[in-house]
Structure formats: C-alpha cells, structure tokens
Amino acid sequence: MVIASDLEGGRVVEVAVSDLSPLYRDSALVRLTRHATISPVAAHFLDILQEEAARTGLLTTRTS
C-alpha cells in the first residue's frame, strides 16, 4: 500500500471515527468458462493482489 510506509514510519496516524461504519471494497475474478486459462501477466497480477490482501488481513476466498 502506498500509505503503509508512512503509517509505519509515524509520518501519518490512523484516526478512528466512532460513528462511521467500516469501508469495504469487494473484488471478484469472473471467468465465463470454468476451465478458461488466464494470461501469465494476469496470473502474476492476481498473485500480487493475493499477497497484499493476505499481508493486510483482507484475504477471503469464496468458490462457487
């Protein structure tokens, strides 16, 4: 994340707002065919997204 290093370095701080609901942004990878392959570039991009989501505690997976 762009802001992560600033948070870790103490240059900015997180401010909790008591009456604000948490903000969420859902993402999904959708393929029209179950056995369709994705390009190596797309696969690498997905790996990076998964690593970042796991690092920040945002990783959830759903298969259906």
PDB file of N, CA and C in Angstrom:
ATOM      1  N   MET A   1       0.833  -1.184   0.000  1.00  0.00           N
ATOM      2  CA  MET A   1       0.000   0.000   0.000  1.00  0.00           C
ATOM      3  C   MET A   1       0.873   1.241   0.000  1.00  0.00           C
ATOM      4  N   VAL A   2       0.388   2.254  -0.603  1.00  0.00           N
ATOM      5  CA  VAL A   2       1.139   3.495  -0.696  1.00  0.00           C
ATOM      6  C   VAL A   2       1.296   4.141   0.673  1.00  0.00           C
ATOM      7  N   ILE A   3       0.284   4.102   1.507  1.00  0.00           N
ATOM      8  CA  ILE A   3       0.306   4.778   2.799  1.00  0.00           C
ATOM      9  C   ILE A   3       0.967   3.939   3.895  1.00  0.00           C
ATOM     10  N   ALA A   4       1.150   2.647   3.668  1.00  0.00           N
ATOM     11  CA  ALA A   4       1.659   1.750   4.702  1.00  0.00           C
ATOM     12  C   ALA A   4       3.004   2.209   5.267  1.00  0.00           C
ATOM     13  N   SER A   5       3.917   2.617   4.408  1.00  0.00           N
ATOM     14  CA  SER A   5       5.232   3.037   4.905  1.00  0.00           C
ATOM     15  C   SER A   5       5.130   4.315   5.731  1.00  0.00           C
ATOM     16  N   ASP A   6       4.217   5.209   5.367  1.00  0.00           N
ATOM     17  CA  ASP A   6       4.016   6.428   6.156  1.00  0.00           C
ATOM     18  C   ASP A   6       3.415   6.106   7.521  1.00  0.00           C
ATOM     19  N   LEU A   7       2.485   5.162   7.569  1.00  0.00           N
ATOM     20  CA  LEU A   7       1.923   4.728   8.853  1.00  0.00           C
ATOM     21  C   LEU A   7       2.998   4.099   9.727  1.00  0.00           C
ATOM     22  N   GLU A   8       3.770   3.197   9.143  1.00  0.00           N
ATOM     23  CA  GLU A   8       4.831   2.518   9.885  1.00  0.00           C
ATOM     24  C   GLU A   8       5.892   3.496  10.362  1.00  0.00           C
ATOM     25  N   GLY A   9       6.183   4.505   9.574  1.00  0.00           N
ATOM     26  CA  GLY A   9       7.203   5.487   9.927  1.00  0.00           C
ATOM     27  C   GLY A   9       6.708   6.575  10.864  1.00  0.00           C
ATOM     28  N   GLY A  10       5.418   6.576  11.178  1.00  0.00           N
ATOM     29  CA  GLY A  10       4.875   7.568  12.094  1.00  0.00           C
ATOM     30  C   GLY A  10       4.654   8.939  11.472  1.00  0.00           C
ATOM     31  N   ARG A  11       4.736   9.026  10.152  1.00  0.00           N
ATOM     32  CA  ARG A  11       4.531  10.311   9.484  1.00  0.00           C
ATOM     33  C   ARG A  11       3.054  10.668   9.392  1.00  0.00           C
ATOM     34  N   VAL A  12       2.200   9.658   9.416  1.00  0.00           N
ATOM     35  CA  VAL A  12       0.752   9.842   9.485  1.00  0.00           C
ATOM     36  C   VAL A  12       0.211   8.872  10.523  1.00  0.00           C
ATOM     37  N   VAL A  13      -0.967   9.153  11.032  1.00  0.00           N
ATOM     38  CA  VAL A  13      -1.582   8.275  12.022  1.00  0.00           C
ATOM     39  C   VAL A  13      -2.999   7.930  11.590  1.00  0.00           C
ATOM     40  N   GLU A  14      -3.464   6.782  12.050  1.00  0.00           N
ATOM     41  CA  GLU A  14      -4.835   6.368  11.791  1.00  0.00           C
ATOM     42  C   GLU A  14      -5.739   7.049  12.804  1.00  0.00           C
ATOM     43  N   VAL A  15      -6.830   7.596  12.326  1.00  0.00           N
ATOM     44  CA  VAL A  15      -7.806   8.250  13.201  1.00  0.00           C
ATOM     45  C   VAL A  15      -9.094   7.440  13.143  1.00  0.00           C
ATOM     46  N   ALA A  16      -9.479   6.864  14.277  1.00  0.00           N
ATOM     47  CA  ALA A  16     -10.723   6.085  14.333  1.00  0.00           C
ATOM     48  C   ALA A  16     -11.901   7.043  14.459  1.00  0.00           C
ATOM     49  N   VAL A  17     -12.919   6.822  13.646  1.00  0.00           N
ATOM     50  CA  VAL A  17     -14.136   7.632  13.702  1.00  0.00           C
ATOM     51  C   VAL A  17     -15.223   6.734  14.292  1.00  0.00           C
ATOM     52  N   SER A  18     -15.713   7.094  15.457  1.00  0.00           N
ATOM     53  CA  SER A  18     -16.608   6.200  16.194  1.00  0.00           C
ATOM     54  C   SER A  18     -17.950   5.958  15.514  1.00  0.00           C
ATOM     55  N   ASP A  19     -18.476   6.895  14.795  1.00  0.00           N
ATOM     56  CA  ASP A  19     -19.800   6.709  14.206  1.00  0.00           C
ATOM     57  C   ASP A  19     -19.772   6.453  12.690  1.00  0.00           C
ATOM     58  N   LEU A  20     -18.651   5.988  12.194  1.00  0.00           N
ATOM     59  CA  LEU A  20     -18.516   5.689  10.771  1.00  0.00           C
ATOM     60  C   LEU A  20     -18.376   4.182  10.590  1.00  0.00           C
ATOM     61  N   SER A  21     -19.236   3.596   9.795  1.00  0.00           N
ATOM     62  CA  SER A  21     -19.145   2.165   9.512  1.00  0.00           C
ATOM     63  C   SER A  21     -17.868   1.885   8.731  1.00  0.00           C
ATOM     64  N   PRO A  22     -17.303   0.678   8.900  1.00  0.00           N
ATOM     65  CA  PRO A  22     -16.105   0.327   8.131  1.00  0.00           C
ATOM     66  C   PRO A  22     -16.377   0.403   6.631  1.00  0.00           C
ATOM     67  N   LEU A  23     -15.368   0.802   5.871  1.00  0.00           N
ATOM     68  CA  LEU A  23     -15.478   0.873   4.419  1.00  0.00           C
ATOM     69  C   LEU A  23     -14.956  -0.424   3.814  1.00  0.00           C
ATOM     70  N   TYR A  24     -15.660  -0.947   2.844  1.00  0.00           N
ATOM     71  CA  TYR A  24     -15.261  -2.188   2.192  1.00  0.00           C
ATOM     72  C   TYR A  24     -15.311  -2.012   0.685  1.00  0.00           C
ATOM     73  N   ARG A  25     -14.429  -2.721   0.015  1.00  0.00           N
ATOM     74  CA  ARG A  25     -14.454  -2.760  -1.445  1.00  0.00           C
ATOM     75  C   ARG A  25     -14.239  -4.213  -1.846  1.00  0.00           C
ATOM     76  N   ASP A  26     -15.242  -4.816  -2.426  1.00  0.00           N
ATOM     77  CA  ASP A  26     -15.153  -6.199  -2.865  1.00  0.00           C
ATOM     78  C   ASP A  26     -14.631  -6.258  -4.289  1.00  0.00           C
ATOM     79  N   SER A  27     -13.881  -7.320  -4.572  1.00  0.00           N
ATOM     80  CA  SER A  27     -13.394  -7.569  -5.927  1.00  0.00           C
ATOM     81  C   SER A  27     -13.641  -9.029  -6.256  1.00  0.00           C
ATOM     82  N   ALA A  28     -13.796  -9.307  -7.506  1.00  0.00           N
ATOM     83  CA  ALA A  28     -14.011 -10.686  -7.932  1.00  0.00           C
ATOM     84  C   ALA A  28     -13.369 -10.910  -9.291  1.00  0.00           C
ATOM     85  N   LEU A  29     -12.831 -12.091  -9.470  1.00  0.00           N
ATOM     86  CA  LEU A  29     -12.342 -12.514 -10.779  1.00  0.00           C
ATOM     87  C   LEU A  29     -13.419 -13.424 -11.358  1.00  0.00           C
ATOM     88  N   VAL A  30     -13.944 -13.045 -12.492  1.00  0.00           N
ATOM     89  CA  VAL A  30     -15.024 -13.803 -13.109  1.00  0.00           C
ATOM     90  C   VAL A  30     -14.559 -14.288 -14.471  1.00  0.00           C
ATOM     91  N   ARG A  31     -14.732 -15.583 -14.693  1.00  0.00           N
ATOM     92  CA  ARG A  31     -14.413 -16.172 -15.995  1.00  0.00           C
ATOM     93  C   ARG A  31     -15.686 -16.782 -16.561  1.00  0.00           C
ATOM     94  N   LEU A  32     -15.877 -16.679 -17.856  1.00  0.00           N
ATOM     95  CA  LEU A  32     -17.072 -17.229 -18.473  1.00  0.00           C
ATOM     96  C   LEU A  32     -17.034 -18.750 -18.557  1.00  0.00           C
ATOM     97  N   THR A  33     -15.867 -19.320 -18.628  1.00  0.00           N
ATOM     98  CA  THR A  33     -15.710 -20.768 -18.711  1.00  0.00           C
ATOM     99  C   THR A  33     -14.874 -21.244 -17.536  1.00  0.00           C
ATOM    100  N   ARG A  34     -15.369 -22.267 -16.850  1.00  0.00           N
ATOM    101  CA  ARG A  34     -14.664 -22.758 -15.657  1.00  0.00           C
ATOM    102  C   ARG A  34     -13.216 -23.150 -15.959  1.00  0.00           C
ATOM    103  N   HIS A  35     -12.958 -23.709 -17.099  1.00  0.00           N
ATOM    104  CA  HIS A  35     -11.609 -24.192 -17.408  1.00  0.00           C
ATOM    105  C   HIS A  35     -10.805 -23.208 -18.266  1.00  0.00           C
ATOM    106  N   ALA A  36     -11.290 -21.989 -18.391  1.00  0.00           N
ATOM    107  CA  ALA A  36     -10.566 -20.987 -19.179  1.00  0.00           C
ATOM    108  C   ALA A  36      -9.264 -20.631 -18.474  1.00  0.00           C
ATOM    109  N   THR A  37      -8.230 -20.418 -19.240  1.00  0.00           N
ATOM    110  CA  THR A  37      -6.942 -20.026 -18.668  1.00  0.00           C
ATOM    111  C   THR A  37      -6.796 -18.511 -18.749  1.00  0.00           C
ATOM    112  N   ILE A  38      -5.958 -17.995 -17.860  1.00  0.00           N
ATOM    113  CA  ILE A  38      -5.666 -16.567 -17.902  1.00  0.00           C
ATOM    114  C   ILE A  38      -4.210 -16.401 -18.318  1.00  0.00           C
ATOM    115  N   SER A  39      -3.884 -15.242 -18.799  1.00  0.00           N
ATOM    116  CA  SER A  39      -2.524 -14.999 -19.281  1.00  0.00           C
ATOM    117  C   SER A  39      -1.542 -15.016 -18.114  1.00  0.00           C
ATOM    118  N   PRO A  40      -0.263 -15.259 -18.393  1.00  0.00           N
ATOM    119  CA  PRO A  40       0.748 -15.224 -17.337  1.00  0.00           C
ATOM    120  C   PRO A  40       0.801 -13.857 -16.630  1.00  0.00           C
ATOM    121  N   VAL A  41       0.593 -12.785 -17.359  1.00  0.00           N
ATOM    122  CA  VAL A  41       0.600 -11.446 -16.757  1.00  0.00           C
ATOM    123  C   VAL A  41      -0.570 -11.309 -15.784  1.00  0.00           C
ATOM    124  N   ALA A  42      -1.746 -11.759 -16.194  1.00  0.00           N
ATOM    125  CA  ALA A  42      -2.911 -11.703 -15.314  1.00  0.00           C
ATOM    126  C   ALA A  42      -2.697 -12.581 -14.081  1.00  0.00           C
ATOM    127  N   ALA A  43      -2.118 -13.759 -14.267  1.00  0.00           N
ATOM    128  CA  ALA A  43      -1.849 -14.656 -13.133  1.00  0.00           C
ATOM    129  C   ALA A  43      -0.878 -14.003 -12.156  1.00  0.00           C
ATOM    130  N   HIS A  44       0.150 -13.347 -12.662  1.00  0.00           N
ATOM    131  CA  HIS A  44       1.118 -12.660 -11.793  1.00  0.00           C
ATOM    132  C   HIS A  44       0.437 -11.520 -11.034  1.00  0.00           C
ATOM    133  N   PHE A  45      -0.405 -10.764 -11.713  1.00  0.00           N
ATOM    134  CA  PHE A  45      -1.147  -9.687 -11.075  1.00  0.00           C
ATOM    135  C   PHE A  45      -2.019 -10.235  -9.943  1.00  0.00           C
ATOM    136  N   LEU A  46      -2.700 -11.346 -10.191  1.00  0.00           N
ATOM    137  CA  LEU A  46      -3.533 -11.957  -9.153  1.00  0.00           C
ATOM    138  C   LEU A  46      -2.700 -12.431  -7.970  1.00  0.00           C
ATOM    139  N   ASP A  47      -1.507 -12.969  -8.232  1.00  0.00           N
ATOM    140  CA  ASP A  47      -0.608 -13.367  -7.144  1.00  0.00           C
ATOM    141  C   ASP A  47      -0.252 -12.169  -6.271  1.00  0.00           C
ATOM    142  N   ILE A  48       0.056 -11.054  -6.894  1.00  0.00           N
ATOM    143  CA  ILE A  48       0.404  -9.841  -6.150  1.00  0.00           C
ATOM    144  C   ILE A  48      -0.794  -9.366  -5.320  1.00  0.00           C
ATOM    145  N   LEU A  49      -1.979  -9.376  -5.906  1.00  0.00           N
ATOM    146  CA  LEU A  49      -3.176  -8.975  -5.165  1.00  0.00           C
ATOM    147  C   LEU A  49      -3.417  -9.877  -3.961  1.00  0.00           C
ATOM    148  N   GLN A  50      -3.269 -11.185  -4.159  1.00  0.00           N
ATOM    149  CA  GLN A  50      -3.472 -12.121  -3.052  1.00  0.00           C
ATOM    150  C   GLN A  50      -2.443 -11.923  -1.949  1.00  0.00           C
ATOM    151  N   GLU A  51      -1.189 -11.713  -2.306  1.00  0.00           N
ATOM    152  CA  GLU A  51      -0.144 -11.479  -1.313  1.00  0.00           C
ATOM    153  C   GLU A  51      -0.441 -10.220  -0.494  1.00  0.00           C
ATOM    154  N   GLU A  52      -0.839  -9.158  -1.165  1.00  0.00           N
ATOM    155  CA  GLU A  52      -1.139  -7.899  -0.475  1.00  0.00           C
ATOM    156  C   GLU A  52      -2.365  -8.058   0.417  1.00  0.00           C
ATOM    157  N   ALA A  53      -3.381  -8.740  -0.081  1.00  0.00           N
ATOM    158  CA  ALA A  53      -4.582  -8.967   0.721  1.00  0.00           C
ATOM    159  C   ALA A  53      -4.275  -9.822   1.943  1.00  0.00           C
ATOM    160  N   ALA A  54      -3.450 -10.835   1.780  1.00  0.00           N
ATOM    161  CA  ALA A  54      -3.069 -11.681   2.914  1.00  0.00           C
ATOM    162  C   ALA A  54      -2.238 -10.881   3.916  1.00  0.00           C
ATOM    163  N   ARG A  55      -1.332 -10.055   3.423  1.00  0.00           N
ATOM    164  CA  ARG A  55      -0.469  -9.254   4.289  1.00  0.00           C
ATOM    165  C   ARG A  55      -1.274  -8.275   5.125  1.00  0.00           C
ATOM    166  N   THR A  56      -2.322  -7.739   4.556  1.00  0.00           N
ATOM    167  CA  THR A  56      -3.116  -6.736   5.259  1.00  0.00           C
ATOM    168  C   THR A  56      -4.332  -7.323   5.973  1.00  0.00           C
ATOM    169  N   GLY A  57      -4.484  -8.647   5.920  1.00  0.00           N
ATOM    170  CA  GLY A  57      -5.599  -9.293   6.601  1.00  0.00           C
ATOM    171  C   GLY A  57      -6.918  -9.182   5.873  1.00  0.00           C
ATOM    172  N   LEU A  58      -6.886  -8.900   4.592  1.00  0.00           N
ATOM    173  CA  LEU A  58      -8.117  -8.714   3.828  1.00  0.00           C
ATOM    174  C   LEU A  58      -8.477  -9.912   2.964  1.00  0.00           C
ATOM    175  N   LEU A  59      -7.647 -10.947   2.970  1.00  0.00           N
ATOM    176  CA  LEU A  59      -7.864 -12.062   2.055  1.00  0.00           C
ATOM    177  C   LEU A  59      -9.000 -12.955   2.520  1.00  0.00           C
ATOM    178  N   THR A  60      -9.993 -13.075   1.679  1.00  0.00           N
ATOM    179  CA  THR A  60     -11.055 -14.063   1.858  1.00  0.00           C
ATOM    180  C   THR A  60     -11.279 -14.719   0.506  1.00  0.00           C
ATOM    181  N   THR A  61     -11.573 -15.977   0.505  1.00  0.00           N
ATOM    182  CA  THR A  61     -11.808 -16.664  -0.761  1.00  0.00           C
ATOM    183  C   THR A  61     -13.173 -17.322  -0.712  1.00  0.00           C
ATOM    184  N   ARG A  62     -13.800 -17.335  -1.841  1.00  0.00           N
ATOM    185  CA  ARG A  62     -15.110 -17.966  -1.968  1.00  0.00           C
ATOM    186  C   ARG A  62     -15.130 -18.674  -3.304  1.00  0.00           C
ATOM    187  N   THR A  63     -15.480 -19.938  -3.298  1.00  0.00           N
ATOM    188  CA  THR A  63     -15.582 -20.677  -4.560  1.00  0.00           C
ATOM    189  C   THR A  63     -17.020 -21.120  -4.744  1.00  0.00           C
ATOM    190  N   SER A  64     -17.551 -20.859  -5.899  1.00  0.00           N
ATOM    191  CA  SER A  64     -18.899 -21.324  -6.245  1.00  0.00           C
ATOM    192  C   SER A  64     -19.154 -21.171  -7.711  1.00  0.00           C
TER     193      SER A  64
END
